């Protein structure tokens, strides 16, 4: 099978669950190498195992996308391991918190905005 993704290096934030994990596996099935980033180590290891089972090379880098220094480290580890970065799927995201209360609205908004919007510009 010859795929246009074969050997490509794909970095996926939020790659430890849901759409991000499914995308990492789909890229691996096309013989791409998947770097998954997220905040939970166990789920990261599971995603890497699924990427490798699907035929790609995997790497998990624990990353909080709201922290620019962690994003820089993520890209650095990717290039160090694979020599380049071909694609990024900026998939990390969080939702609102039910019952957060009006007093915490600004804090919740900032956390959601920093994760879902600001992090895309930092990646």
PDB file of N, CA and C in Angstrom:
ATOM      1  N   UNK A   1       0.839  -1.182   0.000  1.00  0.00           N
ATOM      2  CA  UNK A   1       0.000   0.000   0.000  1.00  0.00           C
ATOM      3  C   UNK A   1       0.882   1.243   0.000  1.00  0.00           C
ATOM      4  N   UNK A   2       0.663   2.118  -0.941  1.00  0.00           N
ATOM      5  CA  UNK A   2       1.407   3.362  -1.007  1.00  0.00           C
ATOM      6  C   UNK A   2       0.470   4.499  -0.619  1.00  0.00           C
ATOM      7  N   UNK A   3       0.811   5.199   0.437  1.00  0.00           N
ATOM      8  CA  UNK A   3      -0.030   6.273   0.945  1.00  0.00           C
ATOM      9  C   UNK A   3       0.715   7.588   0.875  1.00  0.00           C
ATOM     10  N   UNK A   4      -0.015   8.668   0.638  1.00  0.00           N
ATOM     11  CA  UNK A   4       0.625   9.979   0.619  1.00  0.00           C
ATOM     12  C   UNK A   4       1.090  10.402   2.011  1.00  0.00           C
ATOM     13  N   UNK A   5       0.633   9.683   3.048  1.00  0.00           N
ATOM     14  CA  UNK A   5       1.062   9.983   4.417  1.00  0.00           C
ATOM     15  C   UNK A   5       2.223   9.090   4.875  1.00  0.00           C
ATOM     16  N   UNK A   6       2.616   8.146   4.059  1.00  0.00           N
ATOM     17  CA  UNK A   6       3.656   7.200   4.467  1.00  0.00           C
ATOM     18  C   UNK A   6       4.938   7.926   4.855  1.00  0.00           C
ATOM     19  N   UNK A   7       5.393   7.652   6.088  1.00  0.00           N
ATOM     20  CA  UNK A   7       6.619   8.242   6.602  1.00  0.00           C
ATOM     21  C   UNK A   7       6.479   9.678   7.095  1.00  0.00           C
ATOM     22  N   UNK A   8       5.323  10.280   6.930  1.00  0.00           N
ATOM     23  CA  UNK A   8       5.123  11.652   7.389  1.00  0.00           C
ATOM     24  C   UNK A   8       5.048  11.689   8.913  1.00  0.00           C
ATOM     25  N   UNK A   9       5.321  12.846   9.472  1.00  0.00           N
ATOM     26  CA  UNK A   9       5.314  13.038  10.920  1.00  0.00           C
ATOM     27  C   UNK A   9       4.155  13.967  11.271  1.00  0.00           C
ATOM     28  N   UNK A  10       3.223  13.426  12.058  1.00  0.00           N
ATOM     29  CA  UNK A  10       2.006  14.143  12.405  1.00  0.00           C
ATOM     30  C   UNK A  10       1.949  14.332  13.919  1.00  0.00           C
ATOM     31  N   UNK A  11       1.848  15.581  14.351  1.00  0.00           N
ATOM     32  CA  UNK A  11       1.721  15.905  15.769  1.00  0.00           C
ATOM     33  C   UNK A  11       0.258  16.217  16.055  1.00  0.00           C
ATOM     34  N   UNK A  12      -0.298  15.556  17.075  1.00  0.00           N
ATOM     35  CA  UNK A  12      -1.711  15.738  17.390  1.00  0.00           C
ATOM     36  C   UNK A  12      -1.855  16.126  18.858  1.00  0.00           C
ATOM     37  N   UNK A  13      -2.248  17.381  19.103  1.00  0.00           N
ATOM     38  CA  UNK A  13      -2.554  17.767  20.475  1.00  0.00           C
ATOM     39  C   UNK A  13      -3.931  17.218  20.814  1.00  0.00           C
ATOM     40  N   UNK A  14      -4.109  16.836  22.061  1.00  0.00           N
ATOM     41  CA  UNK A  14      -5.359  16.186  22.435  1.00  0.00           C
ATOM     42  C   UNK A  14      -5.459  14.805  21.818  1.00  0.00           C
ATOM     43  N   UNK A  15      -4.321  14.189  21.561  1.00  0.00           N
ATOM     44  CA  UNK A  15      -4.272  12.894  20.886  1.00  0.00           C
ATOM     45  C   UNK A  15      -4.436  11.697  21.803  1.00  0.00           C
ATOM     46  N   UNK A  16      -4.848  11.940  23.034  1.00  0.00           N
ATOM     47  CA  UNK A  16      -4.935  10.840  24.000  1.00  0.00           C
ATOM     48  C   UNK A  16      -6.336  10.287  24.163  1.00  0.00           C
ATOM     49  N   UNK A  17      -7.317  10.877  23.474  1.00  0.00           N
ATOM     50  CA  UNK A  17      -8.696  10.393  23.601  1.00  0.00           C
ATOM     51  C   UNK A  17      -9.523  10.927  22.442  1.00  0.00           C
ATOM     52  N   UNK A  18     -10.694  10.381  22.271  1.00  0.00           N
ATOM     53  CA  UNK A  18     -11.690  10.887  21.336  1.00  0.00           C
ATOM     54  C   UNK A  18     -11.199  11.078  19.918  1.00  0.00           C
ATOM     55  N   UNK A  19     -11.542  12.231  19.351  1.00  0.00           N
ATOM     56  CA  UNK A  19     -11.201  12.537  17.962  1.00  0.00           C
ATOM     57  C   UNK A  19      -9.692  12.521  17.752  1.00  0.00           C
ATOM     58  N   UNK A  20      -8.926  13.061  18.705  1.00  0.00           N
ATOM     59  CA  UNK A  20      -7.475  13.088  18.565  1.00  0.00           C
ATOM     60  C   UNK A  20      -6.873  11.701  18.478  1.00  0.00           C
ATOM     61  N   UNK A  21      -7.319  10.806  19.338  1.00  0.00           N
ATOM     62  CA  UNK A  21      -6.814   9.429  19.300  1.00  0.00           C
ATOM     63  C   UNK A  21      -7.230   8.757  17.995  1.00  0.00           C
ATOM     64  N   UNK A  22      -8.473   8.933  17.591  1.00  0.00           N
ATOM     65  CA  UNK A  22      -8.944   8.327  16.343  1.00  0.00           C
ATOM     66  C   UNK A  22      -8.133   8.842  15.153  1.00  0.00           C
ATOM     67  N   UNK A  23      -7.811  10.127  15.150  1.00  0.00           N
ATOM     68  CA  UNK A  23      -7.011  10.696  14.067  1.00  0.00           C
ATOM     69  C   UNK A  23      -5.603  10.112  14.074  1.00  0.00           C
ATOM     70  N   UNK A  24      -5.010   9.965  15.255  1.00  0.00           N
ATOM     71  CA  UNK A  24      -3.666   9.394  15.351  1.00  0.00           C
ATOM     72  C   UNK A  24      -3.641   7.982  14.777  1.00  0.00           C
ATOM     73  N   UNK A  25      -4.647   7.191  15.102  1.00  0.00           N
ATOM     74  CA  UNK A  25      -4.727   5.819  14.587  1.00  0.00           C
ATOM     75  C   UNK A  25      -4.957   5.838  13.075  1.00  0.00           C
ATOM     76  N   UNK A  26      -5.835   6.717  12.599  1.00  0.00           N
ATOM     77  CA  UNK A  26      -6.106   6.800  11.161  1.00  0.00           C
ATOM     78  C   UNK A  26      -4.840   7.183  10.385  1.00  0.00           C
ATOM     79  N   UNK A  27      -4.073   8.141  10.893  1.00  0.00           N
ATOM     80  CA  UNK A  27      -2.810   8.489  10.241  1.00  0.00           C
ATOM     81  C   UNK A  27      -1.851   7.305  10.256  1.00  0.00           C
ATOM     82  N   UNK A  28      -1.790   6.587  11.368  1.00  0.00           N
ATOM     83  CA  UNK A  28      -0.899   5.429  11.467  1.00  0.00           C
ATOM     84  C   UNK A  28      -1.297   4.343  10.471  1.00  0.00           C
ATOM     85  N   UNK A  29      -2.587   4.174  10.268  1.00  0.00           N
ATOM     86  CA  UNK A  29      -3.051   3.193   9.283  1.00  0.00           C
ATOM     87  C   UNK A  29      -2.586   3.560   7.878  1.00  0.00           C
ATOM     88  N   UNK A  30      -2.301   4.838   7.661  1.00  0.00           N
ATOM     89  CA  UNK A  30      -1.760   5.321   6.391  1.00  0.00           C
ATOM     90  C   UNK A  30      -0.229   5.385   6.441  1.00  0.00           C
ATOM     91  N   UNK A  31       0.355   4.777   7.462  1.00  0.00           N
ATOM     92  CA  UNK A  31       1.804   4.648   7.657  1.00  0.00           C
ATOM     93  C   UNK A  31       2.499   5.940   8.056  1.00  0.00           C
ATOM     94  N   UNK A  32       1.744   6.867   8.653  1.00  0.00           N
ATOM     95  CA  UNK A  32       2.363   8.075   9.203  1.00  0.00           C
ATOM     96  C   UNK A  32       2.831   7.784  10.624  1.00  0.00           C
ATOM     97  N   UNK A  33       3.734   8.591  11.109  1.00  0.00           N
ATOM     98  CA  UNK A  33       4.216   8.505  12.485  1.00  0.00           C
ATOM     99  C   UNK A  33       3.439   9.519  13.317  1.00  0.00           C
ATOM    100  N   UNK A  34       2.916   9.067  14.458  1.00  0.00           N
ATOM    101  CA  UNK A  34       2.051   9.920  15.254  1.00  0.00           C
ATOM    102  C   UNK A  34       2.642  10.328  16.581  1.00  0.00           C
ATOM    103  N   UNK A  35       2.724  11.626  16.789  1.00  0.00           N
ATOM    104  CA  UNK A  35       3.125  12.178  18.073  1.00  0.00           C
ATOM    105  C   UNK A  35       1.858  12.664  18.732  1.00  0.00           C
ATOM    106  N   UNK A  36       1.532  12.064  19.863  1.00  0.00           N
ATOM    107  CA  UNK A  36       0.325  12.464  20.581  1.00  0.00           C
ATOM    108  C   UNK A  36       0.729  13.267  21.805  1.00  0.00           C
ATOM    109  N   UNK A  37       0.005  14.339  22.015  1.00  0.00           N
ATOM    110  CA  UNK A  37       0.267  15.216  23.151  1.00  0.00           C
ATOM    111  C   UNK A  37      -0.995  15.317  23.982  1.00  0.00           C
ATOM    112  N   UNK A  38      -0.813  15.347  25.277  1.00  0.00           N
ATOM    113  CA  UNK A  38      -1.927  15.491  26.200  1.00  0.00           C
ATOM    114  C   UNK A  38      -1.399  15.585  27.613  1.00  0.00           C
ATOM    115  N   UNK A  39      -2.320  15.645  28.564  1.00  0.00           N
ATOM    116  CA  UNK A  39      -1.920  15.848  29.957  1.00  0.00           C
ATOM    117  C   UNK A  39      -1.943  14.575  30.795  1.00  0.00           C
ATOM    118  N   UNK A  40      -2.401  13.458  30.232  1.00  0.00           N
ATOM    119  CA  UNK A  40      -2.540  12.234  31.028  1.00  0.00           C
ATOM    120  C   UNK A  40      -1.644  11.125  30.474  1.00  0.00           C
ATOM    121  N   UNK A  41      -0.690  10.703  31.288  1.00  0.00           N
ATOM    122  CA  UNK A  41       0.324   9.737  30.866  1.00  0.00           C
ATOM    123  C   UNK A  41      -0.256   8.381  30.451  1.00  0.00           C
ATOM    124  N   UNK A  42      -1.178   7.835  31.231  1.00  0.00           N
ATOM    125  CA  UNK A  42      -1.708   6.496  30.934  1.00  0.00           C
ATOM    126  C   UNK A  42      -2.410   6.488  29.577  1.00  0.00           C
ATOM    127  N   UNK A  43      -3.248   7.497  29.332  1.00  0.00           N
ATOM    128  CA  UNK A  43      -3.941   7.576  28.050  1.00  0.00           C
ATOM    129  C   UNK A  43      -2.965   7.826  26.901  1.00  0.00           C
ATOM    130  N   UNK A  44      -1.900   8.567  27.181  1.00  0.00           N
ATOM    131  CA  UNK A  44      -0.876   8.794  26.165  1.00  0.00           C
ATOM    132  C   UNK A  44      -0.203   7.502  25.757  1.00  0.00           C
ATOM    133  N   UNK A  45       0.119   6.675  26.745  1.00  0.00           N
ATOM    134  CA  UNK A  45       0.740   5.375  26.452  1.00  0.00           C
ATOM    135  C   UNK A  45      -0.210   4.488  25.655  1.00  0.00           C
ATOM    136  N   UNK A  46      -1.491   4.537  25.988  1.00  0.00           N
ATOM    137  CA  UNK A  46      -2.486   3.751  25.244  1.00  0.00           C
ATOM    138  C   UNK A  46      -2.561   4.215  23.788  1.00  0.00           C
ATOM    139  N   UNK A  47      -2.550   5.517  23.574  1.00  0.00           N
ATOM    140  CA  UNK A  47      -2.605   6.043  22.210  1.00  0.00           C
ATOM    141  C   UNK A  47      -1.385   5.618  21.405  1.00  0.00           C
ATOM    142  N   UNK A  48      -0.206   5.688  22.002  1.00  0.00           N
ATOM    143  CA  UNK A  48       1.013   5.269  21.306  1.00  0.00           C
ATOM    144  C   UNK A  48       0.928   3.790  20.937  1.00  0.00           C
ATOM    145  N   UNK A  49       0.434   2.965  21.855  1.00  0.00           N
ATOM    146  CA  UNK A  49       0.288   1.536  21.553  1.00  0.00           C
ATOM    147  C   UNK A  49      -0.650   1.323  20.368  1.00  0.00           C
ATOM    148  N   UNK A  50      -1.731   2.085  20.313  1.00  0.00           N
ATOM    149  CA  UNK A  50      -2.676   1.965  19.196  1.00  0.00           C
ATOM    150  C   UNK A  50      -2.060   2.446  17.881  1.00  0.00           C
ATOM    151  N   UNK A  51      -1.284   3.519  17.940  1.00  0.00           N
ATOM    152  CA  UNK A  51      -0.588   4.022  16.750  1.00  0.00           C
ATOM    153  C   UNK A  51       0.364   2.959  16.222  1.00  0.00           C
ATOM    154  N   UNK A  52       1.129   2.372  17.110  1.00  0.00           N
ATOM    155  CA  UNK A  52       2.111   1.373  16.684  1.00  0.00           C
ATOM    156  C   UNK A  52       1.440   0.095  16.192  1.00  0.00           C
ATOM    157  N   UNK A  53       0.337  -0.287  16.808  1.00  0.00           N
ATOM    158  CA  UNK A  53      -0.413  -1.460  16.353  1.00  0.00           C
ATOM    159  C   UNK A  53      -0.969  -1.225  14.946  1.00  0.00           C
ATOM    160  N   UNK A  54      -1.310   0.028  14.647  1.00  0.00           N
ATOM    161  CA  UNK A  54      -1.868   0.374  13.344  1.00  0.00           C
ATOM    162  C   UNK A  54      -0.794   0.537  12.263  1.00  0.00           C
ATOM    163  N   UNK A  55       0.480   0.498  12.647  1.00  0.00           N
ATOM    164  CA  UNK A  55       1.541   0.530  11.656  1.00  0.00           C
ATOM    165  C   UNK A  55       2.436   1.746  11.653  1.00  0.00           C
ATOM    166  N   UNK A  56       2.193   2.699  12.535  1.00  0.00           N
ATOM    167  CA  UNK A  56       3.052   3.881  12.599  1.00  0.00           C
ATOM    168  C   UNK A  56       4.018   3.804  13.761  1.00  0.00           C
ATOM    169  N   UNK A  57       4.924   4.739  13.822  1.00  0.00           N
ATOM    170  CA  UNK A  57       5.785   4.900  14.993  1.00  0.00           C
ATOM    171  C   UNK A  57       5.136   5.964  15.857  1.00  0.00           C
ATOM    172  N   UNK A  58       5.101   5.721  17.152  1.00  0.00           N
ATOM    173  CA  UNK A  58       4.418   6.654  18.036  1.00  0.00           C
ATOM    174  C   UNK A  58       5.331   7.262  19.081  1.00  0.00           C
ATOM    175  N   UNK A  59       4.906   8.405  19.589  1.00  0.00           N
ATOM    176  CA  UNK A  59       5.599   9.093  20.673  1.00  0.00           C
ATOM    177  C   UNK A  59       4.552   9.877  21.445  1.00  0.00           C
ATOM    178  N   UNK A  60       4.589   9.759  22.759  1.00  0.00           N
ATOM    179  CA  UNK A  60       3.730  10.584  23.612  1.00  0.00           C
ATOM    180  C   UNK A  60       4.599  11.611  24.304  1.00  0.00           C
ATOM    181  N   UNK A  61       4.147  12.856  24.282  1.00  0.00           N
ATOM    182  CA  UNK A  61       4.819  13.924  25.010  1.00  0.00           C
ATOM    183  C   UNK A  61       3.772  14.592  25.891  1.00  0.00           C
ATOM    184  N   UNK A  62       3.974  14.489  27.198  1.00  0.00           N
ATOM    185  CA  UNK A  62       3.040  15.122  28.138  1.00  0.00           C
ATOM    186  C   UNK A  62       3.123  16.623  27.938  1.00  0.00           C
ATOM    187  N   UNK A  63       1.973  17.229  27.603  1.00  0.00           N
ATOM    188  CA  UNK A  63       1.955  18.638  27.241  1.00  0.00           C
ATOM    189  C   UNK A  63       0.671  19.300  27.706  1.00  0.00           C
ATOM    190  N   UNK A  64       0.818  20.450  28.331  1.00  0.00           N
ATOM    191  CA  UNK A  64      -0.308  21.328  28.625  1.00  0.00           C
ATOM    192  C   UNK A  64      -0.242  22.432  27.581  1.00  0.00           C
ATOM    193  N   UNK A  65      -1.180  22.440  26.638  1.00  0.00           N
ATOM    194  CA  UNK A  65      -1.102  23.370  25.513  1.00  0.00           C
ATOM    195  C   UNK A  65      -1.310  24.828  25.907  1.00  0.00           C
ATOM    196  N   UNK A  66      -1.680  25.082  27.146  1.00  0.00           N
ATOM    197  CA  UNK A  66      -1.807  26.471  27.592  1.00  0.00           C
ATOM    198  C   UNK A  66      -0.464  27.040  28.027  1.00  0.00           C
ATOM    199  N   UNK A  67       0.576  26.237  28.008  1.00  0.00           N
ATOM    200  CA  UNK A  67       1.908  26.662  28.429  1.00  0.00           C
ATOM    201  C   UNK A  67       2.846  26.659  27.219  1.00  0.00           C
ATOM    202  N   UNK A  68       3.227  27.834  26.777  1.00  0.00           N
ATOM    203  CA  UNK A  68       4.039  27.958  25.561  1.00  0.00           C
ATOM    204  C   UNK A  68       5.348  27.186  25.642  1.00  0.00           C
ATOM    205  N   UNK A  69       5.953  27.151  26.811  1.00  0.00           N
ATOM    206  CA  UNK A  69       7.220  26.415  26.941  1.00  0.00           C
ATOM    207  C   UNK A  69       7.022  24.918  26.750  1.00  0.00           C
ATOM    208  N   UNK A  70       5.863  24.400  27.101  1.00  0.00           N
ATOM    209  CA  UNK A  70       5.587  22.979  26.889  1.00  0.00           C
ATOM    210  C   UNK A  70       5.309  22.691  25.417  1.00  0.00           C
ATOM    211  N   UNK A  71       4.686  23.634  24.727  1.00  0.00           N
ATOM    212  CA  UNK A  71       4.474  23.472  23.290  1.00  0.00           C
ATOM    213  C   UNK A  71       5.819  23.470  22.572  1.00  0.00           C
ATOM    214  N   UNK A  72       6.707  24.375  22.955  1.00  0.00           N
ATOM    215  CA  UNK A  72       8.037  24.422  22.347  1.00  0.00           C
ATOM    216  C   UNK A  72       8.790  23.114  22.597  1.00  0.00           C
ATOM    217  N   UNK A  73       8.672  22.585  23.805  1.00  0.00           N
ATOM    218  CA  UNK A  73       9.329  21.310  24.127  1.00  0.00           C
ATOM    219  C   UNK A  73       8.723  20.167  23.304  1.00  0.00           C
ATOM    220  N   UNK A  74       7.427  20.193  23.098  1.00  0.00           N
ATOM    221  CA  UNK A  74       6.740  19.185  22.292  1.00  0.00           C
ATOM    222  C   UNK A  74       7.277  19.180  20.867  1.00  0.00           C
ATOM    223  N   UNK A  75       7.347  20.341  20.256  1.00  0.00           N
ATOM    224  CA  UNK A  75       7.859  20.428  18.895  1.00  0.00           C
ATOM    225  C   UNK A  75       9.331  20.013  18.864  1.00  0.00           C
ATOM    226  N   UNK A  76      10.094  20.448  19.855  1.00  0.00           N
ATOM    227  CA  UNK A  76      11.507  20.066  19.933  1.00  0.00           C
ATOM    228  C   UNK A  76      11.707  18.564  20.030  1.00  0.00           C
ATOM    229  N   UNK A  77      10.926  17.906  20.884  1.00  0.00           N
ATOM    230  CA  UNK A  77      11.029  16.436  21.013  1.00  0.00           C
ATOM    231  C   UNK A  77      10.624  15.739  19.721  1.00  0.00           C
ATOM    232  N   UNK A  78       9.634  16.279  19.040  1.00  0.00           N
ATOM    233  CA  UNK A  78       9.188  15.705  17.772  1.00  0.00           C
ATOM    234  C   UNK A  78      10.310  15.749  16.740  1.00  0.00           C
ATOM    235  N   UNK A  79      10.905  16.915  16.571  1.00  0.00           N
ATOM    236  CA  UNK A  79      11.974  17.079  15.593  1.00  0.00           C
ATOM    237  C   UNK A  79      13.205  16.271  15.996  1.00  0.00           C
ATOM    238  N   UNK A  80      13.495  16.226  17.291  1.00  0.00           N
ATOM    239  CA  UNK A  80      14.632  15.434  17.782  1.00  0.00           C
ATOM    240  C   UNK A  80      14.452  13.959  17.434  1.00  0.00           C
ATOM    241  N   UNK A  81      13.247  13.446  17.629  1.00  0.00           N
ATOM    242  CA  UNK A  81      12.984  12.012  17.405  1.00  0.00           C
ATOM    243  C   UNK A  81      12.843  11.661  15.930  1.00  0.00           C
ATOM    244  N   UNK A  82      12.126  12.494  15.165  1.00  0.00           N
ATOM    245  CA  UNK A  82      11.804  12.139  13.788  1.00  0.00           C
ATOM    246  C   UNK A  82      12.502  12.995  12.730  1.00  0.00           C
ATOM    247  N   UNK A  83      13.208  14.040  13.158  1.00  0.00           N
ATOM    248  CA  UNK A  83      13.965  14.859  12.219  1.00  0.00           C
ATOM    249  C   UNK A  83      13.171  15.952  11.526  1.00  0.00           C
ATOM    250  N   UNK A  84      11.860  15.950  11.738  1.00  0.00           N
ATOM    251  CA  UNK A  84      11.025  16.966  11.095  1.00  0.00           C
ATOM    252  C   UNK A  84       9.608  16.886  11.646  1.00  0.00           C
ATOM    253  N   UNK A  85       8.787  17.829  11.211  1.00  0.00           N
ATOM    254  CA  UNK A  85       7.356  17.831  11.517  1.00  0.00           C
ATOM    255  C   UNK A  85       6.642  18.213  10.234  1.00  0.00           C
ATOM    256  N   UNK A  86       5.772  17.313   9.747  1.00  0.00           N
ATOM    257  CA  UNK A  86       5.069  17.565   8.492  1.00  0.00           C
ATOM    258  C   UNK A  86       3.695  18.188   8.682  1.00  0.00           C
ATOM    259  N   UNK A  87       2.962  17.735   9.704  1.00  0.00           N
ATOM    260  CA  UNK A  87       1.605  18.215   9.932  1.00  0.00           C
ATOM    261  C   UNK A  87       1.356  18.361  11.426  1.00  0.00           C
ATOM    262  N   UNK A  88       0.463  19.275  11.765  1.00  0.00           N
ATOM    263  CA  UNK A  88      -0.005  19.386  13.142  1.00  0.00           C
ATOM    264  C   UNK A  88      -1.528  19.429  13.124  1.00  0.00           C
ATOM    265  N   UNK A  89      -2.130  18.641  13.968  1.00  0.00           N
ATOM    266  CA  UNK A  89      -3.574  18.676  14.173  1.00  0.00           C
ATOM    267  C   UNK A  89      -3.785  19.227  15.572  1.00  0.00           C
ATOM    268  N   UNK A  90      -4.117  20.511  15.640  1.00  0.00           N
ATOM    269  CA  UNK A  90      -4.308  21.182  16.929  1.00  0.00           C
ATOM    270  C   UNK A  90      -5.718  20.864  17.425  1.00  0.00           C
ATOM    271  N   UNK A  91      -5.832  19.746  18.107  1.00  0.00           N
ATOM    272  CA  UNK A  91      -7.115  19.172  18.474  1.00  0.00           C
ATOM    273  C   UNK A  91      -7.456  19.323  19.952  1.00  0.00           C
ATOM    274  N   UNK A  92      -6.506  19.727  20.767  1.00  0.00           N
ATOM    275  CA  UNK A  92      -6.758  19.823  22.206  1.00  0.00           C
ATOM    276  C   UNK A  92      -7.912  20.775  22.471  1.00  0.00           C
ATOM    277  N   UNK A  93      -8.767  20.412  23.381  1.00  0.00           N
ATOM    278  CA  UNK A  93      -9.883  21.280  23.719  1.00  0.00           C
ATOM    279  C   UNK A  93     -10.573  20.830  24.989  1.00  0.00           C
ATOM    280  N   UNK A  94     -11.218  21.757  25.646  1.00  0.00           N
ATOM    281  CA  UNK A  94     -11.973  21.451  26.847  1.00  0.00           C
ATOM    282  C   UNK A  94     -13.323  22.137  26.752  1.00  0.00           C
ATOM    283  N   UNK A  95     -14.267  21.692  27.569  1.00  0.00           N
ATOM    284  CA  UNK A  95     -15.595  22.289  27.595  1.00  0.00           C
ATOM    285  C   UNK A  95     -15.814  23.056  28.877  1.00  0.00           C
ATOM    286  N   UNK A  96     -16.983  23.614  28.995  1.00  0.00           N
ATOM    287  CA  UNK A  96     -17.343  24.354  30.199  1.00  0.00           C
ATOM    288  C   UNK A  96     -17.535  23.431  31.389  1.00  0.00           C
ATOM    289  N   UNK A  97     -17.609  24.011  32.540  1.00  0.00           N
ATOM    290  CA  UNK A  97     -17.781  23.254  33.767  1.00  0.00           C
ATOM    291  C   UNK A  97     -19.169  23.523  34.328  1.00  0.00           C
ATOM    292  N   UNK A  98     -20.006  22.505  34.323  1.00  0.00           N
ATOM    293  CA  UNK A  98     -21.357  22.654  34.863  1.00  0.00           C
ATOM    294  C   UNK A  98     -21.284  23.026  36.338  1.00  0.00           C
ATOM    295  N   UNK A  99     -22.076  23.994  36.721  1.00  0.00           N
ATOM    296  CA  UNK A  99     -22.130  24.383  38.122  1.00  0.00           C
ATOM    297  C   UNK A  99     -20.943  25.195  38.589  1.00  0.00           C
ATOM    298  N   UNK A 100     -20.183  25.780  37.668  1.00  0.00           N
ATOM    299  CA  UNK A 100     -19.005  26.554  38.062  1.00  0.00           C
ATOM    300  C   UNK A 100     -19.396  27.791  38.863  1.00  0.00           C
ATOM    301  N   UNK A 101     -20.585  28.286  38.635  1.00  0.00           N
ATOM    302  CA  UNK A 101     -21.036  29.455  39.383  1.00  0.00           C
ATOM    303  C   UNK A 101     -20.575  30.745  38.749  1.00  0.00           C
ATOM    304  N   UNK A 102     -21.325  31.788  38.962  1.00  0.00           N
ATOM    305  CA  UNK A 102     -21.033  33.083  38.354  1.00  0.00           C
ATOM    306  C   UNK A 102     -19.704  33.654  38.844  1.00  0.00           C
ATOM    307  N   UNK A 103     -19.310  33.353  40.060  1.00  0.00           N
ATOM    308  CA  UNK A 103     -18.060  33.887  40.599  1.00  0.00           C
ATOM    309  C   UNK A 103     -16.845  33.328  39.860  1.00  0.00           C
ATOM    310  N   UNK A 104     -16.966  32.137  39.277  1.00  0.00           N
ATOM    311  CA  UNK A 104     -15.837  31.511  38.583  1.00  0.00           C
ATOM    312  C   UNK A 104     -15.918  31.638  37.069  1.00  0.00           C
ATOM    313  N   UNK A 105     -16.894  32.381  36.565  1.00  0.00           N
ATOM    314  CA  UNK A 105     -17.115  32.460  35.119  1.00  0.00           C
ATOM    315  C   UNK A 105     -15.879  32.949  34.381  1.00  0.00           C
ATOM    316  N   UNK A 106     -15.244  33.992  34.851  1.00  0.00           N
ATOM    317  CA  UNK A 106     -14.046  34.519  34.191  1.00  0.00           C
ATOM    318  C   UNK A 106     -12.909  33.522  34.181  1.00  0.00           C
ATOM    319  N   UNK A 107     -12.709  32.843  35.290  1.00  0.00           N
ATOM    320  CA  UNK A 107     -11.643  31.840  35.386  1.00  0.00           C
ATOM    321  C   UNK A 107     -11.909  30.675  34.436  1.00  0.00           C
ATOM    322  N   UNK A 108     -13.144  30.218  34.384  1.00  0.00           N
ATOM    323  CA  UNK A 108     -13.509  29.119  33.487  1.00  0.00           C
ATOM    324  C   UNK A 108     -13.329  29.567  32.039  1.00  0.00           C
ATOM    325  N   UNK A 109     -13.803  30.771  31.708  1.00  0.00           N
ATOM    326  CA  UNK A 109     -13.640  31.288  30.352  1.00  0.00           C
ATOM    327  C   UNK A 109     -12.166  31.334  29.965  1.00  0.00           C
ATOM    328  N   UNK A 110     -11.320  31.867  30.847  1.00  0.00           N
ATOM    329  CA  UNK A 110      -9.890  31.965  30.550  1.00  0.00           C
ATOM    330  C   UNK A 110      -9.286  30.592  30.282  1.00  0.00           C
ATOM    331  N   UNK A 111      -9.629  29.605  31.081  1.00  0.00           N
ATOM    332  CA  UNK A 111      -9.090  28.249  30.914  1.00  0.00           C
ATOM    333  C   UNK A 111      -9.546  27.658  29.573  1.00  0.00           C
ATOM    334  N   UNK A 112     -10.819  27.827  29.242  1.00  0.00           N
ATOM    335  CA  UNK A 112     -11.335  27.307  27.971  1.00  0.00           C
ATOM    336  C   UNK A 112     -10.695  28.038  26.799  1.00  0.00           C
ATOM    337  N   UNK A 113     -10.631  29.355  26.860  1.00  0.00           N
ATOM    338  CA  UNK A 113     -10.046  30.146  25.773  1.00  0.00           C
ATOM    339  C   UNK A 113      -8.573  29.803  25.583  1.00  0.00           C
ATOM    340  N   UNK A 114      -7.828  29.710  26.675  1.00  0.00           N
ATOM    341  CA  UNK A 114      -6.399  29.407  26.576  1.00  0.00           C
ATOM    342  C   UNK A 114      -6.158  28.039  25.948  1.00  0.00           C
ATOM    343  N   UNK A 115      -7.002  27.068  26.275  1.00  0.00           N
ATOM    344  CA  UNK A 115      -6.842  25.716  25.731  1.00  0.00           C
ATOM    345  C   UNK A 115      -7.337  25.618  24.298  1.00  0.00           C
ATOM    346  N   UNK A 116      -8.517  26.140  24.035  1.00  0.00           N
ATOM    347  CA  UNK A 116      -9.167  25.921  22.745  1.00  0.00           C
ATOM    348  C   UNK A 116      -8.764  26.912  21.659  1.00  0.00           C
ATOM    349  N   UNK A 117      -8.298  28.107  22.044  1.00  0.00           N
ATOM    350  CA  UNK A 117      -8.010  29.133  21.044  1.00  0.00           C
ATOM    351  C   UNK A 117      -6.554  29.574  21.087  1.00  0.00           C
ATOM    352  N   UNK A 118      -6.123  30.106  22.217  1.00  0.00           N
ATOM    353  CA  UNK A 118      -4.773  30.662  22.307  1.00  0.00           C
ATOM    354  C   UNK A 118      -3.695  29.615  21.989  1.00  0.00           C
ATOM    355  N   UNK A 119      -3.882  28.388  22.405  1.00  0.00           N
ATOM    356  CA  UNK A 119      -2.868  27.347  22.188  1.00  0.00           C
ATOM    357  C   UNK A 119      -2.606  27.091  20.708  1.00  0.00           C
ATOM    358  N   UNK A 120      -3.610  27.270  19.861  1.00  0.00           N
ATOM    359  CA  UNK A 120      -3.434  27.052  18.418  1.00  0.00           C
ATOM    360  C   UNK A 120      -2.424  28.030  17.860  1.00  0.00           C
ATOM    361  N   UNK A 121      -2.397  29.253  18.355  1.00  0.00           N
ATOM    362  CA  UNK A 121      -1.451  30.257  17.878  1.00  0.00           C
ATOM    363  C   UNK A 121      -0.039  30.011  18.423  1.00  0.00           C
ATOM    364  N   UNK A 122       0.068  29.270  19.503  1.00  0.00           N
ATOM    365  CA  UNK A 122       1.372  28.986  20.098  1.00  0.00           C
ATOM    366  C   UNK A 122       2.031  27.778  19.476  1.00  0.00           C
ATOM    367  N   UNK A 123       1.225  26.912  18.875  1.00  0.00           N
ATOM    368  CA  UNK A 123       1.757  25.638  18.338  1.00  0.00           C
ATOM    369  C   UNK A 123       2.524  25.820  17.058  1.00  0.00           C
TER     370      UNK A 123
END
